[in-house]
Each structure stands twice: as C-alpha cells, then as structure tokens.
Amino acid sequence: MNISIDPVLLERTLADMGLDKLENLLKTKEVIRIPSNLMKGLRSLYTGLARTMLTESTYQDYGMKLDLVGQLLSACAEGAGVQPLSGSHKRTQAVKRARDMIHSCCQQGLSIVELCKSSEVSQRTLEYGFHELYQMTPKAYQKAIMMSAVRKEILAKPDAKERTITAIAKAYGVRHLGKFSADYKSYFGELPSQTLVRAS
C-alpha cells in the first residue's frame, strides 16, 4: 500500500496531534513497523476512501482523507513508540483555525464545509470542539460574532446617513431584516433602531 501525503497537510496534522517527535523520525528512519492490527484498519479505511472517491462528494472524500492521514500517523506513532496528545488538543487547534477564519471573514457568512476545510477536520470534530470550548455550534458562534460586529458599527457611526441599519446588516450578509431585528433583540435586549437612538 503506497500513500502520498501533501507535506503541508502532514505537517499540520502532526502538529495538531502533538507528534513532533514522530516528524523527526519520519525524516530520519527508513522503516517504521506498524502493528498488524492497526495495519488491517488502515487497509480497510484506504479501501473505503478509494470507493468513496468514485461515488461521493468532495467533502466526504476530504473528510475520509483526513481520517486516513490521522490514523496512519497514529499507527506510525504507536509503531515508533511515540505517544500522541489527546483528541482534545486536535479539536482545540481546529477550533482555533475556524475561529480565526470566522473573525477575519465575519461579513461573508462561511458555510460549515468551508470551516471544516480550513480547519482540516470533519464536521463532527469541529462541532464537538466548539461545544467543548464555547458550548455552542460553529454556526451559532459565527452568528454571535456577526451580531457583535453589526452592533459595533451601529454604535461607531450613529450620525452617518449612508450607514443605515439596513446597509450595515446587508454588508454582513443579512437577507431577512425582520428576523435579524428579532435576533438582535434576543442578543442585546433592544432593537437595532434603539441602539442607534441611544448612540446618537
């Protein structure tokens, strides 16, 4: 079984798993013996990935590739006697990458697929990580950041006529202004128009 792994993906996965020692071993050691029980699981995952690539969507294919790389590195670590960090470290790193992307692109309204791709983890792992750290889903976190950004803009420019609440909300991808106003009130205890009046 021959597997070629993108160097950037390999480096990031090793870092997420806390396998820095394994990275050095992979560069210097020609052979790492993987226990036969782990090899059987890798073959099964590899076969499933090959089948999926022929029939399923890109996202599922990508998620299975990540699983394969993670399991392959775990097997190599066990064969080399290197202890990986717990899964919570991997989730924390993934959440950090997703969080950074949400903050840098809060006007775009990123999909869960985009967040998973940038974080290089499955949707389940990312959602579990967000629940673990923030007690909410990635989507709910993204919405909270967007609402906060809209509020800051309303408060920052209360007198600018070209910066109406509608214009600000639309700049952040809001399509349904009535729902936005109701959501805003549930977050901040007042309507956007009340925030604007208070700031003036």
N, C-alpha and C. Protein backbone atom coordinates (compact mmCIF):
# COMPACT_ATOMS: atom_id res chain seq x y z
N MET A 1 0.85 -1.17 0.00
CA MET A 1 0.00 0.00 0.00
C MET A 1 0.90 1.24 0.00
N ASN A 2 0.79 2.07 -1.02
CA ASN A 2 1.57 3.30 -1.11
C ASN A 2 0.65 4.49 -0.94
N ILE A 3 1.00 5.40 -0.03
CA ILE A 3 0.20 6.60 0.22
C ILE A 3 1.12 7.81 0.17
N SER A 4 0.73 8.79 -0.64
CA SER A 4 1.49 10.03 -0.71
C SER A 4 0.67 11.11 0.00
N ILE A 5 1.29 11.83 0.93
CA ILE A 5 0.59 12.85 1.73
C ILE A 5 1.19 14.22 1.42
N ASP A 6 0.30 15.17 1.18
CA ASP A 6 0.73 16.55 0.95
C ASP A 6 1.56 17.02 2.15
N PRO A 7 2.76 17.57 1.92
CA PRO A 7 3.64 17.97 3.04
C PRO A 7 3.01 18.96 4.01
N VAL A 8 2.21 19.91 3.51
CA VAL A 8 1.57 20.89 4.39
C VAL A 8 0.54 20.20 5.28
N LEU A 9 -0.27 19.31 4.69
CA LEU A 9 -1.26 18.56 5.47
C LEU A 9 -0.57 17.68 6.50
N LEU A 10 0.53 17.05 6.10
CA LEU A 10 1.28 16.18 7.01
C LEU A 10 1.80 16.98 8.21
N GLU A 11 2.41 18.11 7.93
CA GLU A 11 2.99 18.94 9.00
C GLU A 11 1.91 19.45 9.96
N ARG A 12 0.78 19.90 9.40
CA ARG A 12 -0.29 20.43 10.25
C ARG A 12 -0.93 19.32 11.09
N THR A 13 -1.13 18.15 10.48
CA THR A 13 -1.73 17.03 11.22
C THR A 13 -0.82 16.57 12.34
N LEU A 14 0.47 16.50 12.07
CA LEU A 14 1.43 16.13 13.11
C LEU A 14 1.40 17.13 14.27
N ALA A 15 1.32 18.41 13.94
CA ALA A 15 1.27 19.45 14.98
C ALA A 15 -0.01 19.33 15.79
N ASP A 16 -1.14 19.13 15.10
CA ASP A 16 -2.42 19.01 15.78
C ASP A 16 -2.46 17.82 16.73
N MET A 17 -1.78 16.75 16.34
CA MET A 17 -1.79 15.53 17.14
C MET A 17 -0.68 15.52 18.20
N GLY A 18 0.16 16.55 18.18
CA GLY A 18 1.25 16.62 19.14
C GLY A 18 2.33 15.58 18.88
N LEU A 19 2.60 15.32 17.60
CA LEU A 19 3.56 14.28 17.22
C LEU A 19 4.84 14.87 16.62
N ASP A 20 5.39 15.87 17.27
CA ASP A 20 6.62 16.50 16.77
C ASP A 20 7.77 15.49 16.70
N LYS A 21 7.84 14.61 17.71
CA LYS A 21 8.90 13.60 17.71
C LYS A 21 8.77 12.67 16.51
N LEU A 22 7.54 12.35 16.15
CA LEU A 22 7.32 11.46 15.01
C LEU A 22 7.78 12.13 13.71
N GLU A 23 7.59 13.43 13.61
CA GLU A 23 8.01 14.16 12.41
C GLU A 23 9.51 13.96 12.17
N ASN A 24 10.30 14.07 13.23
CA ASN A 24 11.75 13.86 13.10
C ASN A 24 12.06 12.42 12.72
N LEU A 25 11.33 11.46 13.32
CA LEU A 25 11.56 10.05 12.99
C LEU A 25 11.23 9.76 11.52
N LEU A 26 10.14 10.35 11.03
CA LEU A 26 9.75 10.12 9.64
C LEU A 26 10.81 10.63 8.67
N LYS A 27 11.52 11.67 9.07
CA LYS A 27 12.56 12.23 8.21
C LYS A 27 13.85 11.40 8.24
N THR A 28 14.10 10.72 9.36
CA THR A 28 15.38 10.03 9.51
C THR A 28 15.30 8.51 9.41
N LYS A 29 14.15 7.93 9.75
CA LYS A 29 14.01 6.48 9.77
C LYS A 29 13.42 5.99 8.46
N GLU A 30 14.02 4.96 7.88
CA GLU A 30 13.51 4.44 6.61
C GLU A 30 12.27 3.58 6.79
N VAL A 31 12.20 2.80 7.89
CA VAL A 31 11.08 1.89 8.11
C VAL A 31 10.55 2.06 9.53
N ILE A 32 9.21 2.21 9.63
CA ILE A 32 8.55 2.17 10.92
C ILE A 32 7.57 1.01 10.86
N ARG A 33 7.74 0.04 11.71
CA ARG A 33 6.86 -1.13 11.71
C ARG A 33 5.55 -0.79 12.41
N ILE A 34 4.45 -0.98 11.67
CA ILE A 34 3.12 -0.71 12.21
C ILE A 34 2.52 -2.03 12.67
N PRO A 35 1.99 -2.10 13.90
CA PRO A 35 1.36 -3.33 14.38
C PRO A 35 0.30 -3.84 13.41
N SER A 36 0.23 -5.17 13.24
CA SER A 36 -0.65 -5.77 12.23
C SER A 36 -2.12 -5.43 12.43
N ASN A 37 -2.58 -5.32 13.69
CA ASN A 37 -4.00 -4.99 13.92
C ASN A 37 -4.32 -3.59 13.41
N LEU A 38 -3.38 -2.65 13.55
CA LEU A 38 -3.58 -1.28 13.04
C LEU A 38 -3.48 -1.25 11.52
N MET A 39 -2.60 -2.08 10.97
CA MET A 39 -2.44 -2.13 9.51
C MET A 39 -3.73 -2.59 8.85
N LYS A 40 -4.42 -3.54 9.48
CA LYS A 40 -5.69 -4.05 8.95
C LYS A 40 -6.72 -2.92 8.89
N GLY A 41 -6.80 -2.11 9.96
CA GLY A 41 -7.73 -0.99 9.98
C GLY A 41 -7.40 0.05 8.92
N LEU A 42 -6.10 0.29 8.71
CA LEU A 42 -5.68 1.26 7.69
C LEU A 42 -6.06 0.78 6.29
N ARG A 43 -5.85 -0.50 6.04
CA ARG A 43 -6.22 -1.06 4.73
C ARG A 43 -7.72 -0.88 4.48
N SER A 44 -8.51 -1.14 5.51
CA SER A 44 -9.97 -1.01 5.39
C SER A 44 -10.36 0.44 5.10
N LEU A 45 -9.76 1.39 5.82
CA LEU A 45 -10.05 2.81 5.61
C LEU A 45 -9.60 3.25 4.22
N TYR A 46 -8.43 2.78 3.78
CA TYR A 46 -7.90 3.12 2.46
C TYR A 46 -8.84 2.61 1.36
N THR A 47 -9.34 1.38 1.52
CA THR A 47 -10.26 0.80 0.55
C THR A 47 -11.56 1.61 0.50
N GLY A 48 -12.06 2.00 1.69
CA GLY A 48 -13.27 2.82 1.75
C GLY A 48 -13.08 4.16 1.08
N LEU A 49 -11.92 4.76 1.27
CA LEU A 49 -11.62 6.04 0.63
C LEU A 49 -11.59 5.89 -0.88
N ALA A 50 -10.97 4.84 -1.37
CA ALA A 50 -10.90 4.61 -2.82
C ALA A 50 -12.30 4.47 -3.40
N ARG A 51 -13.17 3.74 -2.72
CA ARG A 51 -14.56 3.58 -3.19
C ARG A 51 -15.30 4.92 -3.16
N THR A 52 -15.13 5.66 -2.08
CA THR A 52 -15.82 6.93 -1.91
C THR A 52 -15.41 7.93 -2.99
N MET A 53 -14.13 7.93 -3.34
CA MET A 53 -13.64 8.86 -4.36
C MET A 53 -14.36 8.65 -5.69
N LEU A 54 -14.85 7.44 -5.91
CA LEU A 54 -15.54 7.14 -7.16
C LEU A 54 -17.02 7.52 -7.12
N THR A 55 -17.59 7.64 -5.91
CA THR A 55 -19.05 7.81 -5.84
C THR A 55 -19.55 9.01 -5.07
N GLU A 56 -18.79 9.50 -4.09
CA GLU A 56 -19.33 10.51 -3.17
C GLU A 56 -18.84 11.92 -3.47
N SER A 57 -19.32 12.86 -2.62
CA SER A 57 -18.98 14.27 -2.80
C SER A 57 -17.56 14.57 -2.36
N THR A 58 -17.07 15.73 -2.78
CA THR A 58 -15.72 16.17 -2.43
C THR A 58 -15.54 16.28 -0.92
N TYR A 59 -16.56 16.78 -0.24
CA TYR A 59 -16.42 16.98 1.20
C TYR A 59 -16.22 15.65 1.91
N GLN A 60 -17.02 14.64 1.57
CA GLN A 60 -16.88 13.34 2.22
C GLN A 60 -15.52 12.75 1.89
N ASP A 61 -15.09 12.89 0.65
CA ASP A 61 -13.78 12.41 0.22
C ASP A 61 -12.69 13.08 1.05
N TYR A 62 -12.81 14.40 1.25
CA TYR A 62 -11.82 15.16 2.01
C TYR A 62 -11.79 14.70 3.47
N GLY A 63 -12.98 14.51 4.06
CA GLY A 63 -13.05 14.05 5.45
C GLY A 63 -12.41 12.68 5.62
N MET A 64 -12.63 11.79 4.66
CA MET A 64 -12.02 10.46 4.75
C MET A 64 -10.51 10.53 4.59
N LYS A 65 -10.03 11.44 3.75
CA LYS A 65 -8.58 11.62 3.60
C LYS A 65 -7.96 12.04 4.94
N LEU A 66 -8.64 12.97 5.62
CA LEU A 66 -8.14 13.42 6.92
C LEU A 66 -8.12 12.27 7.92
N ASP A 67 -9.18 11.46 7.91
CA ASP A 67 -9.22 10.30 8.81
C ASP A 67 -8.08 9.35 8.51
N LEU A 68 -7.83 9.11 7.21
CA LEU A 68 -6.76 8.19 6.82
C LEU A 68 -5.40 8.71 7.28
N VAL A 69 -5.14 10.00 7.04
CA VAL A 69 -3.86 10.59 7.45
C VAL A 69 -3.70 10.50 8.96
N GLY A 70 -4.76 10.86 9.70
CA GLY A 70 -4.71 10.81 11.16
C GLY A 70 -4.45 9.40 11.68
N GLN A 71 -5.16 8.42 11.11
CA GLN A 71 -4.97 7.04 11.57
C GLN A 71 -3.61 6.50 11.17
N LEU A 72 -3.14 6.87 9.98
CA LEU A 72 -1.82 6.44 9.54
C LEU A 72 -0.74 6.97 10.48
N LEU A 73 -0.83 8.24 10.82
CA LEU A 73 0.16 8.84 11.72
C LEU A 73 0.06 8.25 13.13
N SER A 74 -1.16 7.98 13.59
CA SER A 74 -1.32 7.34 14.91
C SER A 74 -0.68 5.96 14.91
N ALA A 75 -0.88 5.21 13.80
CA ALA A 75 -0.28 3.88 13.70
C ALA A 75 1.24 3.96 13.68
N CYS A 76 1.78 4.92 12.93
CA CYS A 76 3.23 5.12 12.88
C CYS A 76 3.76 5.50 14.27
N ALA A 77 3.02 6.35 14.96
CA ALA A 77 3.44 6.76 16.31
C ALA A 77 3.49 5.56 17.24
N GLU A 78 2.47 4.71 17.16
CA GLU A 78 2.46 3.53 18.02
C GLU A 78 3.61 2.59 17.67
N GLY A 79 3.83 2.41 16.37
CA GLY A 79 4.93 1.56 15.92
C GLY A 79 6.29 2.08 16.35
N ALA A 80 6.42 3.41 16.43
CA ALA A 80 7.69 4.03 16.81
C ALA A 80 7.78 4.30 18.31
N GLY A 81 6.70 4.01 19.03
CA GLY A 81 6.70 4.23 20.48
C GLY A 81 6.55 5.69 20.87
N VAL A 82 5.94 6.51 20.00
CA VAL A 82 5.72 7.93 20.29
C VAL A 82 4.27 8.11 20.73
N GLN A 83 4.04 8.78 21.85
CA GLN A 83 2.69 8.99 22.38
C GLN A 83 2.09 10.28 21.83
N PRO A 84 0.96 10.17 21.11
CA PRO A 84 0.30 11.39 20.64
C PRO A 84 -0.46 12.07 21.77
N LEU A 85 -0.75 13.35 21.59
CA LEU A 85 -1.59 14.06 22.55
C LEU A 85 -3.03 13.61 22.40
N SER A 86 -3.86 13.98 23.34
CA SER A 86 -5.27 13.57 23.31
C SER A 86 -6.01 14.24 22.16
N GLY A 87 -7.19 13.70 21.85
CA GLY A 87 -8.02 14.26 20.78
C GLY A 87 -8.46 15.67 21.07
N SER A 88 -8.52 16.05 22.36
CA SER A 88 -8.97 17.40 22.68
C SER A 88 -7.99 18.45 22.16
N HIS A 89 -6.69 18.11 22.10
CA HIS A 89 -5.70 19.05 21.56
C HIS A 89 -5.98 19.29 20.07
N LYS A 90 -6.27 18.22 19.35
CA LYS A 90 -6.58 18.34 17.92
C LYS A 90 -7.82 19.21 17.72
N ARG A 91 -8.86 18.96 18.53
CA ARG A 91 -10.09 19.75 18.41
C ARG A 91 -9.83 21.22 18.73
N THR A 92 -9.03 21.47 19.76
CA THR A 92 -8.72 22.85 20.15
C THR A 92 -8.02 23.58 19.01
N GLN A 93 -7.05 22.92 18.37
CA GLN A 93 -6.34 23.53 17.25
C GLN A 93 -7.28 23.80 16.08
N ALA A 94 -8.19 22.86 15.81
CA ALA A 94 -9.15 23.03 14.72
C ALA A 94 -10.10 24.19 15.00
N VAL A 95 -10.58 24.27 16.23
CA VAL A 95 -11.48 25.37 16.61
C VAL A 95 -10.76 26.71 16.50
N LYS A 96 -9.50 26.75 16.88
CA LYS A 96 -8.72 28.00 16.78
C LYS A 96 -8.64 28.46 15.32
N ARG A 97 -8.35 27.50 14.40
CA ARG A 97 -8.28 27.87 12.98
C ARG A 97 -9.64 28.35 12.46
N ALA A 98 -10.71 27.64 12.85
CA ALA A 98 -12.05 28.03 12.40
C ALA A 98 -12.43 29.39 12.99
N ARG A 99 -12.12 29.59 14.27
CA ARG A 99 -12.42 30.86 14.94
C ARG A 99 -11.69 32.03 14.26
N ASP A 100 -10.41 31.81 13.92
CA ASP A 100 -9.65 32.86 13.24
C ASP A 100 -10.26 33.21 11.89
N MET A 101 -10.72 32.17 11.19
CA MET A 101 -11.34 32.41 9.88
C MET A 101 -12.67 33.15 10.04
N ILE A 102 -13.46 32.77 11.03
CA ILE A 102 -14.74 33.44 11.29
C ILE A 102 -14.50 34.92 11.58
N HIS A 103 -13.51 35.22 12.41
CA HIS A 103 -13.23 36.62 12.77
C HIS A 103 -12.71 37.42 11.58
N SER A 104 -11.91 36.78 10.74
CA SER A 104 -11.35 37.52 9.60
C SER A 104 -12.33 37.65 8.44
N CYS A 105 -13.35 36.81 8.41
CA CYS A 105 -14.32 36.85 7.30
C CYS A 105 -15.74 37.00 7.81
N CYS A 106 -15.96 37.76 8.88
CA CYS A 106 -17.28 37.76 9.51
C CYS A 106 -18.37 38.39 8.65
N GLN A 107 -18.00 39.09 7.59
CA GLN A 107 -19.01 39.65 6.69
C GLN A 107 -19.45 38.65 5.63
N GLN A 108 -18.74 37.53 5.50
CA GLN A 108 -19.03 36.60 4.41
C GLN A 108 -20.03 35.51 4.74
N GLY A 109 -20.22 35.16 5.99
CA GLY A 109 -21.13 34.08 6.31
C GLY A 109 -20.62 32.75 5.77
N LEU A 110 -19.59 32.20 6.37
CA LEU A 110 -18.96 30.97 5.89
C LEU A 110 -19.81 29.74 6.15
N SER A 111 -19.77 28.79 5.24
CA SER A 111 -20.51 27.54 5.43
C SER A 111 -19.71 26.60 6.33
N ILE A 112 -20.37 25.60 6.87
CA ILE A 112 -19.69 24.62 7.71
C ILE A 112 -18.64 23.86 6.90
N VAL A 113 -18.91 23.64 5.63
CA VAL A 113 -17.94 22.95 4.76
C VAL A 113 -16.67 23.77 4.63
N GLU A 114 -16.82 25.09 4.43
CA GLU A 114 -15.64 25.96 4.33
C GLU A 114 -14.85 25.97 5.63
N LEU A 115 -15.56 26.00 6.76
CA LEU A 115 -14.88 25.99 8.06
C LEU A 115 -14.14 24.67 8.28
N CYS A 116 -14.76 23.56 7.91
CA CYS A 116 -14.12 22.25 8.07
C CYS A 116 -12.89 22.13 7.18
N LYS A 117 -12.99 22.64 5.96
CA LYS A 117 -11.83 22.59 5.06
C LYS A 117 -10.68 23.43 5.59
N SER A 118 -10.98 24.63 6.08
CA SER A 118 -9.91 25.48 6.60
C SER A 118 -9.32 24.92 7.89
N SER A 119 -10.13 24.20 8.65
CA SER A 119 -9.67 23.62 9.92
C SER A 119 -9.08 22.23 9.73
N GLU A 120 -9.33 21.64 8.57
CA GLU A 120 -8.84 20.30 8.22
C GLU A 120 -9.31 19.23 9.20
N VAL A 121 -10.60 19.31 9.55
CA VAL A 121 -11.23 18.27 10.37
C VAL A 121 -12.63 18.01 9.83
N SER A 122 -13.24 16.94 10.31
CA SER A 122 -14.61 16.63 9.92
C SER A 122 -15.58 17.56 10.62
N GLN A 123 -16.81 17.60 10.12
CA GLN A 123 -17.84 18.45 10.73
C GLN A 123 -18.09 18.03 12.17
N ARG A 124 -18.14 16.74 12.41
CA ARG A 124 -18.39 16.24 13.76
C ARG A 124 -17.30 16.70 14.74
N THR A 125 -16.05 16.60 14.30
CA THR A 125 -14.93 17.02 15.16
C THR A 125 -15.01 18.51 15.46
N LEU A 126 -15.31 19.31 14.44
CA LEU A 126 -15.38 20.76 14.63
C LEU A 126 -16.54 21.13 15.56
N GLU A 127 -17.69 20.52 15.34
CA GLU A 127 -18.85 20.83 16.19
C GLU A 127 -18.59 20.39 17.63
N TYR A 128 -17.98 19.24 17.81
CA TYR A 128 -17.66 18.77 19.16
C TYR A 128 -16.69 19.74 19.84
N GLY A 129 -15.69 20.20 19.08
CA GLY A 129 -14.71 21.14 19.62
C GLY A 129 -15.35 22.46 20.04
N PHE A 130 -16.27 22.98 19.21
CA PHE A 130 -16.95 24.23 19.57
C PHE A 130 -17.82 24.04 20.81
N HIS A 131 -18.51 22.90 20.90
CA HIS A 131 -19.32 22.63 22.10
C HIS A 131 -18.44 22.54 23.33
N GLU A 132 -17.28 21.92 23.16
CA GLU A 132 -16.34 21.74 24.26
C GLU A 132 -15.82 23.09 24.78
N LEU A 133 -15.48 23.99 23.86
CA LEU A 133 -14.88 25.27 24.24
C LEU A 133 -15.88 26.40 24.47
N TYR A 134 -16.97 26.43 23.67
CA TYR A 134 -17.88 27.57 23.72
C TYR A 134 -19.33 27.20 24.05
N GLN A 135 -19.62 25.92 24.19
CA GLN A 135 -20.99 25.44 24.45
C GLN A 135 -21.97 25.91 23.37
N MET A 136 -21.52 25.96 22.14
CA MET A 136 -22.38 26.31 21.01
C MET A 136 -21.81 25.72 19.72
N THR A 137 -22.62 25.71 18.67
CA THR A 137 -22.17 25.20 17.37
C THR A 137 -21.31 26.26 16.67
N PRO A 138 -20.54 25.85 15.65
CA PRO A 138 -19.79 26.84 14.87
C PRO A 138 -20.70 27.90 14.26
N LYS A 139 -21.89 27.48 13.80
CA LYS A 139 -22.84 28.41 13.19
C LYS A 139 -23.32 29.44 14.21
N ALA A 140 -23.64 28.98 15.42
CA ALA A 140 -24.09 29.91 16.47
C ALA A 140 -22.96 30.88 16.86
N TYR A 141 -21.73 30.37 16.90
CA TYR A 141 -20.58 31.22 17.22
C TYR A 141 -20.41 32.30 16.14
N GLN A 142 -20.51 31.86 14.89
CA GLN A 142 -20.37 32.79 13.76
C GLN A 142 -21.45 33.87 13.81
N LYS A 143 -22.66 33.48 14.16
CA LYS A 143 -23.77 34.45 14.24
C LYS A 143 -23.52 35.45 15.37
N ALA A 144 -23.03 34.97 16.50
CA ALA A 144 -22.75 35.86 17.64
C ALA A 144 -21.68 36.89 17.27
N ILE A 145 -20.65 36.46 16.53
CA ILE A 145 -19.57 37.37 16.10
C ILE A 145 -20.12 38.40 15.13
N MET A 146 -20.98 37.95 14.21
CA MET A 146 -21.58 38.86 13.23
C MET A 146 -22.46 39.90 13.92
N MET A 147 -23.29 39.44 14.87
CA MET A 147 -24.17 40.37 15.60
C MET A 147 -23.36 41.41 16.37
N SER A 148 -22.30 40.97 16.99
CA SER A 148 -21.43 41.88 17.74
C SER A 148 -20.79 42.92 16.81
N ALA A 149 -20.35 42.46 15.63
CA ALA A 149 -19.73 43.37 14.66
C ALA A 149 -20.73 44.40 14.15
N VAL A 150 -21.96 43.97 13.88
CA VAL A 150 -23.01 44.90 13.43
C VAL A 150 -23.28 45.95 14.51
N ARG A 151 -23.39 45.49 15.75
CA ARG A 151 -23.65 46.42 16.87
C ARG A 151 -22.53 47.45 17.00
N LYS A 152 -21.29 47.00 16.86
CA LYS A 152 -20.15 47.93 16.95
C LYS A 152 -20.24 48.99 15.86
N GLU A 153 -20.63 48.58 14.66
CA GLU A 153 -20.75 49.55 13.55
C GLU A 153 -21.87 50.54 13.79
N ILE A 154 -22.99 50.07 14.32
CA ILE A 154 -24.11 50.97 14.62
C ILE A 154 -23.68 52.00 15.67
N LEU A 155 -22.97 51.53 16.69
CA LEU A 155 -22.52 52.42 17.76
C LEU A 155 -21.40 53.36 17.31
N ALA A 156 -20.59 52.90 16.35
CA ALA A 156 -19.44 53.70 15.90
C ALA A 156 -19.83 54.86 15.02
N LYS A 157 -20.91 54.71 14.22
CA LYS A 157 -21.27 55.76 13.27
C LYS A 157 -22.75 56.08 13.35
N PRO A 158 -23.21 56.54 14.49
CA PRO A 158 -24.66 56.79 14.63
C PRO A 158 -25.17 57.93 13.76
N ASP A 159 -24.31 58.88 13.37
CA ASP A 159 -24.77 60.04 12.60
C ASP A 159 -24.53 59.93 11.10
N ALA A 160 -23.83 58.88 10.67
CA ALA A 160 -23.52 58.76 9.24
C ALA A 160 -24.77 58.31 8.48
N LYS A 161 -25.33 59.18 7.66
CA LYS A 161 -26.59 58.88 6.97
C LYS A 161 -26.47 57.72 6.00
N GLU A 162 -25.28 57.58 5.40
CA GLU A 162 -25.10 56.47 4.44
C GLU A 162 -24.97 55.12 5.13
N ARG A 163 -24.77 55.15 6.45
CA ARG A 163 -24.60 53.90 7.22
C ARG A 163 -25.87 53.58 7.99
N THR A 164 -26.92 53.29 7.28
CA THR A 164 -28.18 52.92 7.93
C THR A 164 -28.06 51.52 8.49
N ILE A 165 -28.98 51.16 9.37
CA ILE A 165 -29.00 49.81 9.92
C ILE A 165 -29.15 48.79 8.80
N THR A 166 -30.01 49.09 7.85
CA THR A 166 -30.21 48.18 6.71
C THR A 166 -28.91 47.99 5.94
N ALA A 167 -28.20 49.07 5.66
CA ALA A 167 -26.93 48.98 4.91
C ALA A 167 -25.89 48.17 5.68
N ILE A 168 -25.80 48.42 6.97
CA ILE A 168 -24.83 47.69 7.80
C ILE A 168 -25.19 46.21 7.82
N ALA A 169 -26.46 45.89 8.07
CA ALA A 169 -26.89 44.49 8.14
C ALA A 169 -26.64 43.78 6.82
N LYS A 170 -26.97 44.44 5.72
CA LYS A 170 -26.77 43.81 4.40
C LYS A 170 -25.29 43.59 4.10
N ALA A 171 -24.44 44.49 4.60
CA ALA A 171 -22.99 44.32 4.40
C ALA A 171 -22.49 43.05 5.09
N TYR A 172 -23.23 42.58 6.10
CA TYR A 172 -22.87 41.36 6.82
C TYR A 172 -23.68 40.15 6.34
N GLY A 173 -24.29 40.28 5.18
CA GLY A 173 -24.98 39.14 4.58
C GLY A 173 -26.38 38.88 5.08
N VAL A 174 -26.97 39.82 5.82
CA VAL A 174 -28.33 39.63 6.33
C VAL A 174 -29.31 39.77 5.17
N ARG A 175 -30.20 38.79 5.05
CA ARG A 175 -31.20 38.83 3.96
C ARG A 175 -32.59 39.15 4.48
N HIS A 176 -32.88 38.72 5.71
CA HIS A 176 -34.22 38.91 6.27
C HIS A 176 -34.12 39.88 7.45
N LEU A 177 -34.45 41.13 7.19
CA LEU A 177 -34.26 42.18 8.20
C LEU A 177 -35.16 42.00 9.42
N GLY A 178 -36.37 41.48 9.23
CA GLY A 178 -37.26 41.25 10.36
C GLY A 178 -36.69 40.22 11.32
N LYS A 179 -36.19 39.11 10.78
CA LYS A 179 -35.58 38.07 11.61
C LYS A 179 -34.30 38.60 12.26
N PHE A 180 -33.55 39.38 11.50
CA PHE A 180 -32.32 39.97 12.04
C PHE A 180 -32.65 40.85 13.26
N SER A 181 -33.69 41.69 13.15
CA SER A 181 -34.07 42.57 14.26
C SER A 181 -34.47 41.77 15.50
N ALA A 182 -35.22 40.68 15.28
CA ALA A 182 -35.64 39.83 16.40
C ALA A 182 -34.43 39.15 17.04
N ASP A 183 -33.52 38.66 16.20
CA ASP A 183 -32.31 38.02 16.73
C ASP A 183 -31.45 39.03 17.49
N TYR A 184 -31.33 40.22 16.93
CA TYR A 184 -30.54 41.29 17.56
C TYR A 184 -31.09 41.58 18.95
N LYS A 185 -32.42 41.66 19.05
CA LYS A 185 -33.05 41.95 20.34
C LYS A 185 -32.78 40.82 21.34
N SER A 186 -32.79 39.58 20.86
CA SER A 186 -32.52 38.47 21.78
C SER A 186 -31.07 38.48 22.27
N TYR A 187 -30.16 39.01 21.45
CA TYR A 187 -28.75 39.11 21.86
C TYR A 187 -28.50 40.28 22.81
N PHE A 188 -29.09 41.44 22.48
CA PHE A 188 -28.71 42.68 23.18
C PHE A 188 -29.83 43.33 23.99
N GLY A 189 -31.02 42.75 23.97
CA GLY A 189 -32.13 43.28 24.77
C GLY A 189 -32.76 44.54 24.23
N GLU A 190 -32.44 44.88 22.99
CA GLU A 190 -33.04 46.05 22.35
C GLU A 190 -32.97 45.88 20.84
N LEU A 191 -33.82 46.60 20.13
CA LEU A 191 -33.81 46.56 18.67
C LEU A 191 -32.62 47.37 18.14
N PRO A 192 -32.16 47.09 16.91
CA PRO A 192 -31.06 47.89 16.34
C PRO A 192 -31.38 49.38 16.30
N SER A 193 -32.65 49.71 16.02
CA SER A 193 -33.04 51.13 15.98
C SER A 193 -32.90 51.79 17.36
N GLN A 194 -33.16 51.03 18.42
CA GLN A 194 -32.99 51.57 19.78
C GLN A 194 -31.52 51.80 20.10
N THR A 195 -30.67 50.90 19.60
CA THR A 195 -29.22 51.09 19.78
C THR A 195 -28.78 52.38 19.10
N LEU A 196 -29.29 52.57 17.89
CA LEU A 196 -28.93 53.77 17.10
C LEU A 196 -29.38 55.04 17.82
N VAL A 197 -30.60 55.06 18.35
CA VAL A 197 -31.12 56.24 19.05
C VAL A 197 -30.29 56.50 20.30
N ARG A 198 -29.97 55.43 21.03
CA ARG A 198 -29.17 55.57 22.25
C ARG A 198 -27.78 56.12 21.96
N ALA A 199 -27.21 55.71 20.80
CA ALA A 199 -25.84 56.12 20.45
C ALA A 199 -25.80 57.57 19.94
N SER A 200 -26.93 58.09 19.48
CA SER A 200 -26.94 59.45 18.90
C SER A 200 -26.85 60.53 19.95
